[in-house]
């Protein structure tokens, strides 16, 4: 929030501030053009940006103007809103909003409003903003992060799933929620291949033994999948009932559950009038 104001003030004044802005901008440009980007690559730019921001804060505090400027009020409002939403971080992961989180959101919001109302001057507003920003980091570390890591049921489910997987066996995810899929990619030793089309998934599974990670209600709603998948592990993650399924089919075989979806459930190259024979079976 302070960076645009810091850059503007640096170009208004003559001195080393312009050189700092030029150096930081050049570094950001070079790092942004890199093929691979990691957050640690930007650490060398942090000291230069910190000096610029400290200069703006120092000027706002020591300028003698008692009335806060507009950009200082916008910064304080953004910090207050950000601090108020810190307790909602676990809800963004599991999709459930608990009463404790609602109470904390309201409490932090009221505290931020009270701090800003009793901070009429620039110096007091800057101090309140810094205190609220530091407090939000403490809240994130003590409340939000432990709740993210404390989902024992989800961790236990993915541990059971990982033990079921065989080396070299394909694993697919079927219409899985993005948060659940992200957690699966982090917890499982194999990254599941996302598949949203049931007919395409049926064709993939017809090639041999495979696993599918999906919500139970979505699998039961597709007859072409429900009759050819066997649940081997079941659990709750992200507020959803998720299971690991194993395909029933032997290589080259896929059981068509109904006449209506027989054509879509057949293996590649087969028609509804062509008998399906498992590999290795004698043809009569």
C-alpha atoms as a PDB file:
ATOM      1  CA  UNK A   1       0.000   0.000   0.000  1.00  0.00           C
ATOM      2  CA  UNK A   2       2.849   2.408   0.770  1.00  0.00           C
ATOM      3  CA  UNK A   3       4.999   1.554  -2.239  1.00  0.00           C
ATOM      4  CA  UNK A   4       3.297   3.872  -4.799  1.00  0.00           C
ATOM      5  CA  UNK A   5       3.500   6.789  -2.376  1.00  0.00           C
ATOM      6  CA  UNK A   6       7.140   5.966  -1.623  1.00  0.00           C
ATOM      7  CA  UNK A   7       8.065   5.934  -5.327  1.00  0.00           C
ATOM      8  CA  UNK A   8       6.236   9.214  -5.898  1.00  0.00           C
ATOM      9  CA  UNK A   9       8.013  10.905  -2.988  1.00  0.00           C
ATOM     10  CA  UNK A  10      11.374   9.545  -4.159  1.00  0.00           C
ATOM     11  CA  UNK A  11      11.015  11.232  -7.556  1.00  0.00           C
ATOM     12  CA  UNK A  12       9.868  14.484  -5.949  1.00  0.00           C
ATOM     13  CA  UNK A  13      13.053  14.792  -3.909  1.00  0.00           C
ATOM     14  CA  UNK A  14      16.637  14.879  -5.080  1.00  0.00           C
ATOM     15  CA  UNK A  15      18.970  12.437  -3.398  1.00  0.00           C
ATOM     16  CA  UNK A  16      19.669   8.735  -2.995  1.00  0.00           C
ATOM     17  CA  UNK A  17      15.972   7.843  -3.047  1.00  0.00           C
ATOM     18  CA  UNK A  18      15.895   7.945  -6.840  1.00  0.00           C
ATOM     19  CA  UNK A  19      18.883   5.627  -7.066  1.00  0.00           C
ATOM     20  CA  UNK A  20      17.178   3.192  -4.681  1.00  0.00           C
ATOM     21  CA  UNK A  21      14.014   3.206  -6.799  1.00  0.00           C
ATOM     22  CA  UNK A  22      16.030   2.683  -9.997  1.00  0.00           C
ATOM     23  CA  UNK A  23      17.992  -0.197  -8.470  1.00  0.00           C
ATOM     24  CA  UNK A  24      14.925  -1.915  -7.036  1.00  0.00           C
ATOM     25  CA  UNK A  25      13.002  -1.470 -10.284  1.00  0.00           C
ATOM     26  CA  UNK A  26      15.855  -2.905 -12.360  1.00  0.00           C
ATOM     27  CA  UNK A  27      16.158  -5.894 -10.052  1.00  0.00           C
ATOM     28  CA  UNK A  28      12.409  -6.556 -10.180  1.00  0.00           C
ATOM     29  CA  UNK A  29      12.448  -6.319 -13.991  1.00  0.00           C
ATOM     30  CA  UNK A  30      15.312  -8.791 -14.333  1.00  0.00           C
ATOM     31  CA  UNK A  31      13.804 -11.236 -11.839  1.00  0.00           C
ATOM     32  CA  UNK A  32      10.378 -11.006 -13.485  1.00  0.00           C
ATOM     33  CA  UNK A  33      11.879 -12.022 -16.827  1.00  0.00           C
ATOM     34  CA  UNK A  34      13.492 -15.137 -15.360  1.00  0.00           C
ATOM     35  CA  UNK A  35      12.140 -18.442 -16.611  1.00  0.00           C
ATOM     36  CA  UNK A  36      11.779 -19.884 -13.110  1.00  0.00           C
ATOM     37  CA  UNK A  37      10.463 -17.721 -10.279  1.00  0.00           C
ATOM     38  CA  UNK A  38      10.602 -18.387  -6.554  1.00  0.00           C
ATOM     39  CA  UNK A  39       9.723 -15.955  -3.800  1.00  0.00           C
ATOM     40  CA  UNK A  40      13.210 -16.217  -2.291  1.00  0.00           C
ATOM     41  CA  UNK A  41      14.638 -14.681  -5.460  1.00  0.00           C
ATOM     42  CA  UNK A  42      13.084 -11.346  -4.486  1.00  0.00           C
ATOM     43  CA  UNK A  43      14.725 -11.187  -1.053  1.00  0.00           C
ATOM     44  CA  UNK A  44      17.598  -8.916  -2.258  1.00  0.00           C
ATOM     45  CA  UNK A  45      15.007  -6.285  -3.231  1.00  0.00           C
ATOM     46  CA  UNK A  46      13.410  -6.233   0.234  1.00  0.00           C
ATOM     47  CA  UNK A  47      16.031  -3.987   1.936  1.00  0.00           C
ATOM     48  CA  UNK A  48      15.757  -1.306  -0.749  1.00  0.00           C
ATOM     49  CA  UNK A  49      11.956  -1.298  -0.606  1.00  0.00           C
ATOM     50  CA  UNK A  50      12.076  -1.232   3.205  1.00  0.00           C
ATOM     51  CA  UNK A  51      14.275   1.885   3.153  1.00  0.00           C
ATOM     52  CA  UNK A  52      11.843   3.628   0.801  1.00  0.00           C
ATOM     53  CA  UNK A  53       8.830   2.752   2.957  1.00  0.00           C
ATOM     54  CA  UNK A  54      10.622   3.803   6.141  1.00  0.00           C
ATOM     55  CA  UNK A  55      11.381   7.176   4.589  1.00  0.00           C
ATOM     56  CA  UNK A  56       7.713   7.772   3.761  1.00  0.00           C
ATOM     57  CA  UNK A  57       6.591   6.761   7.251  1.00  0.00           C
ATOM     58  CA  UNK A  58       9.235   8.956   8.850  1.00  0.00           C
ATOM     59  CA  UNK A  59       8.125  11.922   6.767  1.00  0.00           C
ATOM     60  CA  UNK A  60       4.469  11.333   7.669  1.00  0.00           C
ATOM     61  CA  UNK A  61       5.301  11.196  11.379  1.00  0.00           C
ATOM     62  CA  UNK A  62       7.743  14.124  11.547  1.00  0.00           C
ATOM     63  CA  UNK A  63       6.171  16.462   8.997  1.00  0.00           C
ATOM     64  CA  UNK A  64       4.244  18.345  11.663  1.00  0.00           C
ATOM     65  CA  UNK A  65       0.928  17.846   9.901  1.00  0.00           C
ATOM     66  CA  UNK A  66      -1.523  16.562  12.453  1.00  0.00           C
ATOM     67  CA  UNK A  67      -4.188  15.605   9.945  1.00  0.00           C
ATOM     68  CA  UNK A  68      -3.503  12.266   8.177  1.00  0.00           C
ATOM     69  CA  UNK A  69      -3.261  12.356   4.413  1.00  0.00           C
ATOM     70  CA  UNK A  70      -5.639  10.452   2.153  1.00  0.00           C
ATOM     71  CA  UNK A  71      -3.205   7.702   1.205  1.00  0.00           C
ATOM     72  CA  UNK A  72      -2.396   7.131   4.876  1.00  0.00           C
ATOM     73  CA  UNK A  73      -6.087   6.597   5.606  1.00  0.00           C
ATOM     74  CA  UNK A  74      -6.394   4.181   2.659  1.00  0.00           C
ATOM     75  CA  UNK A  75      -3.410   2.220   3.947  1.00  0.00           C
ATOM     76  CA  UNK A  76      -4.920   2.013   7.436  1.00  0.00           C
ATOM     77  CA  UNK A  77      -8.242   0.820   6.032  1.00  0.00           C
ATOM     78  CA  UNK A  78      -6.531  -1.879   3.942  1.00  0.00           C
ATOM     79  CA  UNK A  79      -4.553  -3.101   6.966  1.00  0.00           C
ATOM     80  CA  UNK A  80      -7.742  -3.210   9.038  1.00  0.00           C
ATOM     81  CA  UNK A  81      -9.605  -5.238   6.411  1.00  0.00           C
ATOM     82  CA  UNK A  82      -6.685  -7.597   5.955  1.00  0.00           C
ATOM     83  CA  UNK A  83      -6.374  -8.183   9.694  1.00  0.00           C
ATOM     84  CA  UNK A  84     -10.116  -8.841   9.956  1.00  0.00           C
ATOM     85  CA  UNK A  85      -9.969 -11.588   7.325  1.00  0.00           C
ATOM     86  CA  UNK A  86      -6.980 -13.429   8.839  1.00  0.00           C
ATOM     87  CA  UNK A  87      -9.265 -15.704  10.935  1.00  0.00           C
ATOM     88  CA  UNK A  88     -11.011 -16.785   7.713  1.00  0.00           C
ATOM     89  CA  UNK A  89      -7.896 -18.456   6.288  1.00  0.00           C
ATOM     90  CA  UNK A  90      -8.884 -21.939   7.594  1.00  0.00           C
ATOM     91  CA  UNK A  91     -12.393 -21.508   6.155  1.00  0.00           C
ATOM     92  CA  UNK A  92     -10.913 -20.883   2.707  1.00  0.00           C
ATOM     93  CA  UNK A  93      -9.209 -24.274   2.956  1.00  0.00           C
ATOM     94  CA  UNK A  94     -11.967 -26.498   4.324  1.00  0.00           C
ATOM     95  CA  UNK A  95     -15.033 -24.528   3.191  1.00  0.00           C
ATOM     96  CA  UNK A  96     -16.512 -24.406   6.710  1.00  0.00           C
ATOM     97  CA  UNK A  97     -17.048 -21.273   8.777  1.00  0.00           C
ATOM     98  CA  UNK A  98     -17.038 -21.956  12.512  1.00  0.00           C
ATOM     99  CA  UNK A  99     -18.543 -19.723  15.240  1.00  0.00           C
ATOM    100  CA  UNK A 100     -15.053 -19.065  16.636  1.00  0.00           C
ATOM    101  CA  UNK A 101     -13.948 -17.661  13.287  1.00  0.00           C
ATOM    102  CA  UNK A 102     -17.018 -15.442  13.030  1.00  0.00           C
ATOM    103  CA  UNK A 103     -16.410 -14.066  16.537  1.00  0.00           C
ATOM    104  CA  UNK A 104     -12.756 -13.387  15.779  1.00  0.00           C
ATOM    105  CA  UNK A 105     -13.555 -11.603  12.515  1.00  0.00           C
ATOM    106  CA  UNK A 106     -16.010  -9.325  14.303  1.00  0.00           C
ATOM    107  CA  UNK A 107     -13.634  -8.717  17.215  1.00  0.00           C
ATOM    108  CA  UNK A 108     -10.682  -7.809  15.007  1.00  0.00           C
ATOM    109  CA  UNK A 109     -12.866  -5.554  12.870  1.00  0.00           C
ATOM    110  CA  UNK A 110     -14.189  -3.686  15.915  1.00  0.00           C
ATOM    111  CA  UNK A 111     -10.660  -3.354  17.315  1.00  0.00           C
ATOM    112  CA  UNK A 112      -9.367  -1.927  14.057  1.00  0.00           C
ATOM    113  CA  UNK A 113     -12.223   0.583  13.867  1.00  0.00           C
ATOM    114  CA  UNK A 114     -11.639   1.642  17.481  1.00  0.00           C
ATOM    115  CA  UNK A 115      -7.897   2.119  16.930  1.00  0.00           C
ATOM    116  CA  UNK A 116      -8.416   4.259  13.871  1.00  0.00           C
ATOM    117  CA  UNK A 117     -11.146   6.349  15.499  1.00  0.00           C
ATOM    118  CA  UNK A 118      -8.929   7.225  18.451  1.00  0.00           C
ATOM    119  CA  UNK A 119      -5.982   8.036  16.151  1.00  0.00           C
ATOM    120  CA  UNK A 120      -6.728  11.531  14.837  1.00  0.00           C
ATOM    121  CA  UNK A 121      -3.144  12.439  13.918  1.00  0.00           C
ATOM    122  CA  UNK A 122      -0.699  11.025  11.387  1.00  0.00           C
ATOM    123  CA  UNK A 123       1.681   9.723  14.028  1.00  0.00           C
ATOM    124  CA  UNK A 124      -1.060   7.936  15.957  1.00  0.00           C
ATOM    125  CA  UNK A 125      -2.555   6.471  12.768  1.00  0.00           C
ATOM    126  CA  UNK A 126       0.810   5.087  11.634  1.00  0.00           C
ATOM    127  CA  UNK A 127       1.424   3.583  15.073  1.00  0.00           C
ATOM    128  CA  UNK A 128      -2.043   1.994  15.120  1.00  0.00           C
ATOM    129  CA  UNK A 129      -1.570   0.581  11.628  1.00  0.00           C
ATOM    130  CA  UNK A 130       1.793  -0.951  12.540  1.00  0.00           C
ATOM    131  CA  UNK A 131       0.391  -2.420  15.765  1.00  0.00           C
ATOM    132  CA  UNK A 132      -2.568  -3.927  13.924  1.00  0.00           C
ATOM    133  CA  UNK A 133      -0.333  -5.367  11.187  1.00  0.00           C
ATOM    134  CA  UNK A 134       1.953  -7.016  13.750  1.00  0.00           C
ATOM    135  CA  UNK A 135      -1.068  -8.305  15.668  1.00  0.00           C
ATOM    136  CA  UNK A 136      -2.504  -9.851  12.496  1.00  0.00           C
ATOM    137  CA  UNK A 137       0.740 -11.762  11.936  1.00  0.00           C
ATOM    138  CA  UNK A 138       0.576 -13.096  15.494  1.00  0.00           C
ATOM    139  CA  UNK A 139      -3.057 -14.109  14.925  1.00  0.00           C
ATOM    140  CA  UNK A 140      -2.094 -15.864  11.700  1.00  0.00           C
ATOM    141  CA  UNK A 141       0.696 -17.768  13.433  1.00  0.00           C
ATOM    142  CA  UNK A 142      -1.237 -18.674  16.590  1.00  0.00           C
ATOM    143  CA  UNK A 143      -4.733 -19.296  15.217  1.00  0.00           C
ATOM    144  CA  UNK A 144      -4.981 -19.736  11.447  1.00  0.00           C
ATOM    145  CA  UNK A 145      -1.886 -21.788  10.657  1.00  0.00           C
ATOM    146  CA  UNK A 146      -2.402 -24.322  13.507  1.00  0.00           C
ATOM    147  CA  UNK A 147      -5.992 -24.868  12.371  1.00  0.00           C
ATOM    148  CA  UNK A 148      -4.792 -25.511   8.830  1.00  0.00           C
ATOM    149  CA  UNK A 149      -2.293 -28.082  10.078  1.00  0.00           C
ATOM    150  CA  UNK A 150      -4.650 -29.496  12.682  1.00  0.00           C
ATOM    151  CA  UNK A 151      -7.014 -31.200  10.235  1.00  0.00           C
ATOM    152  CA  UNK A 152      -6.066 -34.653  11.515  1.00  0.00           C
ATOM    153  CA  UNK A 153      -8.887 -36.418   9.667  1.00  0.00           C
ATOM    154  CA  UNK A 154      -7.716 -35.132   6.290  1.00  0.00           C
ATOM    155  CA  UNK A 155      -4.076 -35.991   6.989  1.00  0.00           C
ATOM    156  CA  UNK A 156      -5.050 -39.473   8.158  1.00  0.00           C
ATOM    157  CA  UNK A 157      -7.203 -40.062   5.068  1.00  0.00           C
ATOM    158  CA  UNK A 158      -4.435 -39.115   2.648  1.00  0.00           C
ATOM    159  CA  UNK A 159      -1.978 -41.244   4.627  1.00  0.00           C
ATOM    160  CA  UNK A 160      -4.256 -44.263   4.100  1.00  0.00           C
ATOM    161  CA  UNK A 161      -4.652 -43.360   0.435  1.00  0.00           C
ATOM    162  CA  UNK A 162      -0.876 -43.132  -0.021  1.00  0.00           C
ATOM    163  CA  UNK A 163      -0.419 -46.626   1.420  1.00  0.00           C
ATOM    164  CA  UNK A 164      -2.939 -48.019  -1.091  1.00  0.00           C
ATOM    165  CA  UNK A 165      -1.184 -46.660  -4.159  1.00  0.00           C
ATOM    166  CA  UNK A 166       1.122 -48.905  -6.154  1.00  0.00           C
ATOM    167  CA  UNK A 167       4.198 -47.733  -7.984  1.00  0.00           C
ATOM    168  CA  UNK A 168       3.363 -47.246 -11.647  1.00  0.00           C
ATOM    169  CA  UNK A 169      -0.420 -47.501 -11.229  1.00  0.00           C
ATOM    170  CA  UNK A 170      -2.254 -44.513 -12.803  1.00  0.00           C
ATOM    171  CA  UNK A 171      -4.164 -42.246 -10.422  1.00  0.00           C
ATOM    172  CA  UNK A 172      -6.937 -39.911 -11.610  1.00  0.00           C
ATOM    173  CA  UNK A 173      -9.090 -37.301  -9.921  1.00  0.00           C
ATOM    174  CA  UNK A 174     -12.685 -36.902 -11.054  1.00  0.00           C
ATOM    175  CA  UNK A 175     -14.333 -33.482 -10.723  1.00  0.00           C
ATOM    176  CA  UNK A 176     -12.481 -32.856  -7.489  1.00  0.00           C
ATOM    177  CA  UNK A 177     -12.783 -29.551  -5.665  1.00  0.00           C
ATOM    178  CA  UNK A 178      -9.716 -27.356  -6.271  1.00  0.00           C
ATOM    179  CA  UNK A 179      -8.866 -27.093  -2.566  1.00  0.00           C
ATOM    180  CA  UNK A 180      -9.150 -30.855  -2.098  1.00  0.00           C
ATOM    181  CA  UNK A 181      -7.123 -31.478  -5.250  1.00  0.00           C
ATOM    182  CA  UNK A 182      -4.428 -29.097  -4.028  1.00  0.00           C
ATOM    183  CA  UNK A 183      -4.262 -30.896  -0.684  1.00  0.00           C
ATOM    184  CA  UNK A 184      -4.056 -34.227  -2.525  1.00  0.00           C
ATOM    185  CA  UNK A 185      -1.129 -32.989  -4.605  1.00  0.00           C
ATOM    186  CA  UNK A 186       0.678 -32.000  -1.406  1.00  0.00           C
ATOM    187  CA  UNK A 187      -0.093 -35.117   0.624  1.00  0.00           C
ATOM    188  CA  UNK A 188       0.022 -37.923  -1.950  1.00  0.00           C
ATOM    189  CA  UNK A 189       3.232 -39.353  -3.416  1.00  0.00           C
ATOM    190  CA  UNK A 190       1.658 -39.291  -6.893  1.00  0.00           C
ATOM    191  CA  UNK A 191      -0.024 -36.264  -8.441  1.00  0.00           C
ATOM    192  CA  UNK A 192      -3.453 -37.370  -9.724  1.00  0.00           C
ATOM    193  CA  UNK A 193      -4.342 -36.521 -13.310  1.00  0.00           C
ATOM    194  CA  UNK A 194      -7.461 -34.356 -13.327  1.00  0.00           C
ATOM    195  CA  UNK A 195     -10.363 -35.649 -15.439  1.00  0.00           C
ATOM    196  CA  UNK A 196     -13.800 -34.009 -15.600  1.00  0.00           C
ATOM    197  CA  UNK A 197     -15.451 -35.993 -18.403  1.00  0.00           C
ATOM    198  CA  UNK A 198     -16.928 -39.337 -17.232  1.00  0.00           C
ATOM    199  CA  UNK A 199     -16.710 -40.916 -20.683  1.00  0.00           C
ATOM    200  CA  UNK A 200     -13.061 -39.949 -21.061  1.00  0.00           C
ATOM    201  CA  UNK A 201     -12.325 -41.301 -17.585  1.00  0.00           C
ATOM    202  CA  UNK A 202     -14.128 -44.549 -18.448  1.00  0.00           C
ATOM    203  CA  UNK A 203     -11.931 -45.006 -21.497  1.00  0.00           C
ATOM    204  CA  UNK A 204      -8.799 -44.353 -19.449  1.00  0.00           C
ATOM    205  CA  UNK A 205      -9.821 -46.894 -16.831  1.00  0.00           C
ATOM    206  CA  UNK A 206     -10.549 -49.535 -19.474  1.00  0.00           C
ATOM    207  CA  UNK A 207      -6.828 -49.843 -20.236  1.00  0.00           C
ATOM    208  CA  UNK A 208      -6.033 -51.541 -16.926  1.00  0.00           C
ATOM    209  CA  UNK A 209      -5.875 -51.261 -13.158  1.00  0.00           C
ATOM    210  CA  UNK A 210      -6.209 -47.641 -12.014  1.00  0.00           C
ATOM    211  CA  UNK A 211      -7.221 -45.551  -9.028  1.00  0.00           C
ATOM    212  CA  UNK A 212      -9.659 -42.642  -8.924  1.00  0.00           C
ATOM    213  CA  UNK A 213      -9.920 -39.980  -6.210  1.00  0.00           C
ATOM    214  CA  UNK A 214     -13.371 -38.395  -6.215  1.00  0.00           C
ATOM    215  CA  UNK A 215     -16.303 -37.252  -4.130  1.00  0.00           C
ATOM    216  CA  UNK A 216     -18.664 -40.136  -3.419  1.00  0.00           C
ATOM    217  CA  UNK A 217     -21.777 -38.267  -4.534  1.00  0.00           C
ATOM    218  CA  UNK A 218     -20.259 -37.436  -7.914  1.00  0.00           C
ATOM    219  CA  UNK A 219     -19.294 -41.036  -8.597  1.00  0.00           C
ATOM    220  CA  UNK A 220     -22.669 -42.409  -7.498  1.00  0.00           C
ATOM    221  CA  UNK A 221     -24.356 -39.951  -9.865  1.00  0.00           C
ATOM    222  CA  UNK A 222     -22.594 -41.463 -12.893  1.00  0.00           C
ATOM    223  CA  UNK A 223     -23.753 -45.008 -13.647  1.00  0.00           C
ATOM    224  CA  UNK A 224     -20.834 -45.626 -16.032  1.00  0.00           C
ATOM    225  CA  UNK A 225     -18.458 -45.026 -13.113  1.00  0.00           C
ATOM    226  CA  UNK A 226     -20.410 -46.282 -10.097  1.00  0.00           C
ATOM    227  CA  UNK A 227     -20.755 -49.844 -11.448  1.00  0.00           C
ATOM    228  CA  UNK A 228     -17.104 -50.137 -12.407  1.00  0.00           C
ATOM    229  CA  UNK A 229     -15.339 -48.567  -9.422  1.00  0.00           C
ATOM    230  CA  UNK A 230     -14.778 -50.108  -6.000  1.00  0.00           C
ATOM    231  CA  UNK A 231     -14.174 -47.775  -3.011  1.00  0.00           C
ATOM    232  CA  UNK A 232     -11.105 -48.857  -1.059  1.00  0.00           C
ATOM    233  CA  UNK A 233     -10.656 -45.852   1.245  1.00  0.00           C
ATOM    234  CA  UNK A 234     -13.168 -43.266   2.390  1.00  0.00           C
ATOM    235  CA  UNK A 235     -12.764 -40.063   4.404  1.00  0.00           C
ATOM    236  CA  UNK A 236     -13.762 -36.426   4.850  1.00  0.00           C
ATOM    237  CA  UNK A 237     -11.573 -33.633   3.565  1.00  0.00           C
ATOM    238  CA  UNK A 238     -12.537 -30.022   3.004  1.00  0.00           C
ATOM    239  CA  UNK A 239     -16.014 -30.780   4.356  1.00  0.00           C
ATOM    240  CA  UNK A 240     -16.602 -33.296   1.543  1.00  0.00           C
ATOM    241  CA  UNK A 241     -16.902 -37.087   1.594  1.00  0.00           C
ATOM    242  CA  UNK A 242     -14.084 -38.279  -0.656  1.00  0.00           C
ATOM    243  CA  UNK A 243     -13.033 -41.820  -1.531  1.00  0.00           C
ATOM    244  CA  UNK A 244     -10.241 -43.587  -3.330  1.00  0.00           C
ATOM    245  CA  UNK A 245     -11.688 -45.979  -5.902  1.00  0.00           C
ATOM    246  CA  UNK A 246     -10.087 -48.914  -7.687  1.00  0.00           C
ATOM    247  CA  UNK A 247     -11.243 -49.878 -11.148  1.00  0.00           C
ATOM    248  CA  UNK A 248     -12.926 -53.274 -11.564  1.00  0.00           C
ATOM    249  CA  UNK A 249     -11.927 -53.606 -15.193  1.00  0.00           C
ATOM    250  CA  UNK A 250      -9.197 -55.868 -16.476  1.00  0.00           C
ATOM    251  CA  UNK A 251      -7.119 -54.469 -19.345  1.00  0.00           C
ATOM    252  CA  UNK A 252      -9.253 -53.899 -22.406  1.00  0.00           C
ATOM    253  CA  UNK A 253     -12.553 -54.405 -20.598  1.00  0.00           C
ATOM    254  CA  UNK A 254     -15.156 -51.978 -19.322  1.00  0.00           C
ATOM    255  CA  UNK A 255     -18.570 -53.100 -18.101  1.00  0.00           C
ATOM    256  CA  UNK A 256     -21.382 -51.057 -19.689  1.00  0.00           C
ATOM    257  CA  UNK A 257     -23.925 -50.460 -16.906  1.00  0.00           C
ATOM    258  CA  UNK A 258     -26.991 -49.574 -18.957  1.00  0.00           C
ATOM    259  CA  UNK A 259     -28.136 -49.598 -22.554  1.00  0.00           C
ATOM    260  CA  UNK A 260     -28.472 -45.808 -22.626  1.00  0.00           C
ATOM    261  CA  UNK A 261     -24.839 -45.125 -21.861  1.00  0.00           C
ATOM    262  CA  UNK A 262     -23.382 -48.341 -23.349  1.00  0.00           C
ATOM    263  CA  UNK A 263     -21.829 -46.560 -26.286  1.00  0.00           C
ATOM    264  CA  UNK A 264     -20.077 -43.926 -24.126  1.00  0.00           C
ATOM    265  CA  UNK A 265     -18.808 -46.518 -21.645  1.00  0.00           C
ATOM    266  CA  UNK A 266     -17.207 -48.840 -24.209  1.00  0.00           C
ATOM    267  CA  UNK A 267     -13.457 -48.950 -24.784  1.00  0.00           C
ATOM    268  CA  UNK A 268     -11.959 -47.079 -27.686  1.00  0.00           C
ATOM    269  CA  UNK A 269     -12.648 -48.690 -31.041  1.00  0.00           C
ATOM    270  CA  UNK A 270     -15.722 -50.654 -29.871  1.00  0.00           C
ATOM    271  CA  UNK A 271     -19.300 -50.121 -30.952  1.00  0.00           C
ATOM    272  CA  UNK A 272     -22.530 -51.023 -29.183  1.00  0.00           C
ATOM    273  CA  UNK A 273     -22.975 -54.069 -31.439  1.00  0.00           C
ATOM    274  CA  UNK A 274     -19.464 -55.423 -30.879  1.00  0.00           C
ATOM    275  CA  UNK A 275     -19.115 -57.973 -28.066  1.00  0.00           C
ATOM    276  CA  UNK A 276     -16.553 -57.077 -25.454  1.00  0.00           C
ATOM    277  CA  UNK A 277     -14.163 -59.899 -24.627  1.00  0.00           C
ATOM    278  CA  UNK A 278     -11.492 -59.615 -21.937  1.00  0.00           C
ATOM    279  CA  UNK A 279      -7.957 -60.062 -23.132  1.00  0.00           C
ATOM    280  CA  UNK A 280      -6.836 -63.666 -22.968  1.00  0.00           C
ATOM    281  CA  UNK A 281     -10.377 -65.096 -23.153  1.00  0.00           C
ATOM    282  CA  UNK A 282     -11.149 -67.594 -25.977  1.00  0.00           C
ATOM    283  CA  UNK A 283     -13.440 -66.312 -28.716  1.00  0.00           C
ATOM    284  CA  UNK A 284     -16.386 -68.636 -29.401  1.00  0.00           C
END
